Amino acid sequence: MALRSDELHYNLQHLNGMLTTHEAAKQLDLSYWHFMHLVEAGRIPGVRVVDRWLFSPDDLDDYRRSKYGELEDLARTALEHPAIDLTEKQETICRFLASSERPSEIARKLKQSRQAVHSQISLVKEKVSRIQPKKPLSSTPPEAPARPLRRRKSPIPLRPPKNKR
């Protein structure tokens, strides 16, 4: 299929700013193989061009937000409310979380185990839950968050067998 020059120009404009597989994995601080597993599972969207994958920085930010957005919101809430009596360590962890750092990155920076960081995060969650009003229970069950559908290739239709006479 040949592209007209205006179509080619549009498609190249769209590809400008896209990240390669290695760049995208590095941005999310994931190993190349784990990143590719997520791409092949349909969890991270990308564009396949010939034999290369390209990724939009916005899509990568959306993935990070879906994975860690709740923690970021928790950290911001904890830092904004003086009624929550954070320890120095908890405040440091919350500052890292609010700036989009992953718990494993925080553990490396603080030279602590991931388990220790997660324990502190659990304590912060408990403190925040004390100041936030309880949500009323609704009579209808909450909807499950919509997962992106994995695109599958459609099967090649089989031709009916020819009648041999």
Protein backbone atom coordinates (compact mmCIF):
# COMPACT_ATOMS: atom_id res chain seq x y z
CA MET A 1 0.00 0.00 0.00
CA ALA A 2 1.40 3.38 -0.96
CA LEU A 3 0.80 6.43 1.17
CA ARG A 4 0.09 9.83 -0.28
CA SER A 5 2.55 12.48 0.82
CA ASP A 6 0.03 14.19 3.13
CA GLU A 7 -0.76 10.85 4.81
CA LEU A 8 2.93 10.11 5.20
CA HIS A 9 3.52 13.56 6.69
CA TYR A 10 0.67 13.06 9.17
CA ASN A 11 1.93 9.62 10.19
CA LEU A 12 5.47 10.88 10.68
CA GLN A 13 4.15 13.82 12.76
CA HIS A 14 2.35 11.30 14.95
CA LEU A 15 5.51 9.24 15.42
CA ASN A 16 7.58 12.25 16.46
CA GLY A 17 8.21 12.08 20.20
CA MET A 18 7.46 8.36 20.45
CA LEU A 19 9.79 6.23 22.57
CA THR A 20 11.50 2.98 21.65
CA THR A 21 10.99 -0.16 23.70
CA HIS A 22 14.18 0.33 25.69
CA GLU A 23 13.46 4.03 26.33
CA ALA A 24 9.90 3.26 27.45
CA ALA A 25 11.03 0.46 29.78
CA LYS A 26 13.63 2.77 31.29
CA GLN A 27 11.04 5.54 31.79
CA LEU A 28 8.82 3.13 33.75
CA ASP A 29 11.87 1.67 35.54
CA LEU A 30 11.05 -1.83 34.36
CA SER A 31 13.30 -4.46 32.86
CA TYR A 32 13.04 -4.80 29.10
CA TRP A 33 11.56 -8.31 29.41
CA HIS A 34 8.95 -7.37 32.01
CA PHE A 35 8.00 -4.33 29.94
CA MET A 36 7.57 -6.48 26.81
CA HIS A 37 5.46 -8.94 28.80
CA LEU A 38 3.11 -6.07 29.72
CA VAL A 39 3.00 -4.88 26.10
CA GLU A 40 2.21 -8.35 24.76
CA ALA A 41 -0.46 -8.79 27.44
CA GLY A 42 -2.10 -5.58 26.20
CA ARG A 43 -1.53 -3.68 29.46
CA ILE A 44 0.65 -1.01 27.82
CA PRO A 45 -0.47 0.30 24.41
CA GLY A 46 2.05 0.78 21.64
CA VAL A 47 2.35 1.09 17.88
CA ARG A 48 4.12 -1.55 15.86
CA VAL A 49 6.03 -0.08 12.91
CA VAL A 50 7.61 -2.73 10.71
CA ASP A 51 9.68 -4.66 13.29
CA ARG A 52 9.79 -2.03 16.04
CA TRP A 53 7.45 -1.00 18.84
CA LEU A 54 6.95 2.68 19.58
CA PHE A 55 5.27 4.14 22.66
CA SER A 56 3.60 7.44 23.43
CA PRO A 57 4.84 9.18 26.59
CA ASP A 58 1.19 9.97 27.41
CA ASP A 59 0.28 6.26 27.31
CA LEU A 60 3.21 5.46 29.59
CA ASP A 61 2.08 8.18 32.03
CA ASP A 62 -1.46 6.74 31.94
CA TYR A 63 -0.09 3.28 32.76
CA ARG A 64 2.00 4.64 35.64
CA ARG A 65 -1.01 6.59 36.92
CA SER A 66 -3.26 3.53 36.76
CA LYS A 67 -0.69 1.55 38.69
CA TYR A 68 0.50 4.13 41.23
CA GLY A 69 -2.04 6.98 41.09
CA GLU A 70 -3.82 5.85 44.24
CA LEU A 71 -0.54 5.92 46.17
CA GLU A 72 0.28 9.38 44.83
CA ASP A 73 -3.13 10.67 45.93
CA LEU A 74 -2.71 9.07 49.35
CA ALA A 75 0.70 10.71 49.79
CA ARG A 76 -0.59 14.15 48.78
CA THR A 77 -3.49 13.84 51.21
CA ALA A 78 -1.16 12.82 54.01
CA LEU A 79 1.20 15.72 53.32
CA GLU A 80 -1.61 18.32 53.05
CA HIS A 81 -3.35 17.47 56.35
CA PRO A 82 -1.42 18.51 59.44
CA ALA A 83 -3.84 16.44 61.55
CA ILE A 84 -2.11 13.35 60.21
CA ASP A 85 0.88 12.98 62.46
CA LEU A 86 3.48 11.58 60.04
CA THR A 87 6.85 10.44 61.28
CA GLU A 88 9.92 11.83 59.53
CA LYS A 89 10.34 8.60 57.59
CA GLN A 90 6.68 8.53 56.54
CA GLU A 91 6.87 12.15 55.41
CA THR A 92 9.96 11.39 53.32
CA ILE A 93 8.24 8.39 51.72
CA CYS A 94 5.12 10.49 51.02
CA ARG A 95 7.21 13.18 49.33
CA PHE A 96 8.77 10.57 47.08
CA LEU A 97 5.36 9.02 46.31
CA ALA A 98 3.85 12.42 45.53
CA SER A 99 6.61 13.01 42.99
CA SER A 100 5.69 9.76 41.16
CA GLU A 101 8.41 7.55 42.60
CA ARG A 102 7.68 3.85 42.86
CA PRO A 103 8.00 2.11 46.24
CA SER A 104 10.91 0.00 44.97
CA GLU A 105 12.76 3.18 43.88
CA ILE A 106 12.09 4.73 47.28
CA ALA A 107 13.48 1.66 49.04
CA ARG A 108 16.68 1.90 46.97
CA LYS A 109 17.08 5.62 47.68
CA LEU A 110 16.48 5.20 51.41
CA LYS A 111 18.62 2.03 51.50
CA GLN A 112 15.79 0.08 53.10
CA SER A 113 13.93 -3.07 52.19
CA ARG A 114 10.82 -2.82 50.04
CA GLN A 115 8.94 -4.52 52.87
CA ALA A 116 9.93 -1.70 55.26
CA VAL A 117 8.73 0.94 52.79
CA HIS A 118 5.45 -0.89 52.22
CA SER A 119 4.95 -1.18 55.99
CA GLN A 120 5.32 2.58 56.33
CA ILE A 121 2.89 3.11 53.43
CA SER A 122 0.36 0.87 55.21
CA LEU A 123 0.71 2.96 58.36
CA VAL A 124 0.16 6.15 56.33
CA LYS A 125 -2.98 4.59 54.77
CA GLU A 126 -4.29 3.83 58.23
CA LYS A 127 -3.63 7.39 59.42
CA VAL A 128 -5.31 8.90 56.34
CA SER A 129 -8.33 6.61 56.71
CA ARG A 130 -8.90 7.98 60.22
CA ILE A 131 -9.36 11.56 58.99
CA GLN A 132 -11.34 10.81 55.82
CA PRO A 133 -15.08 10.30 56.22
CA LYS A 134 -16.29 6.78 55.65
CA LYS A 135 -18.03 6.28 52.33
CA PRO A 136 -21.62 5.10 52.72
CA LEU A 137 -22.28 1.57 51.59
CA SER A 138 -24.39 1.54 48.47
CA SER A 139 -27.00 -1.07 47.74
CA THR A 140 -25.45 -1.82 44.36
CA PRO A 141 -22.05 -3.42 44.16
CA PRO A 142 -19.30 -1.17 42.76
CA GLU A 143 -18.44 -1.71 39.14
CA ALA A 144 -15.14 -3.32 38.41
CA PRO A 145 -12.71 -0.99 36.67
CA ALA A 146 -12.73 -1.55 32.95
CA ARG A 147 -9.62 -3.31 31.75
CA PRO A 148 -8.44 -2.58 28.26
CA LEU A 149 -9.46 -5.35 25.95
CA ARG A 150 -6.66 -7.36 24.52
CA ARG A 151 -6.71 -7.22 20.79
CA ARG A 152 -6.58 -10.63 19.26
CA LYS A 153 -5.97 -11.47 15.70
CA SER A 154 -9.04 -12.80 14.02
CA PRO A 155 -8.71 -16.40 12.87
CA ILE A 156 -8.19 -17.13 9.22
CA PRO A 157 -11.47 -18.46 7.87
CA LEU A 158 -11.28 -21.97 6.54
CA ARG A 159 -12.69 -22.70 3.15
CA PRO A 160 -15.24 -25.47 2.97
CA PRO A 161 -13.79 -28.60 1.38
CA LYS A 162 -14.38 -28.90 -2.31
CA ASN A 163 -16.64 -31.73 -3.36
CA LYS A 164 -14.66 -34.35 -5.21
CA ARG A 165 -16.59 -36.01 -7.96
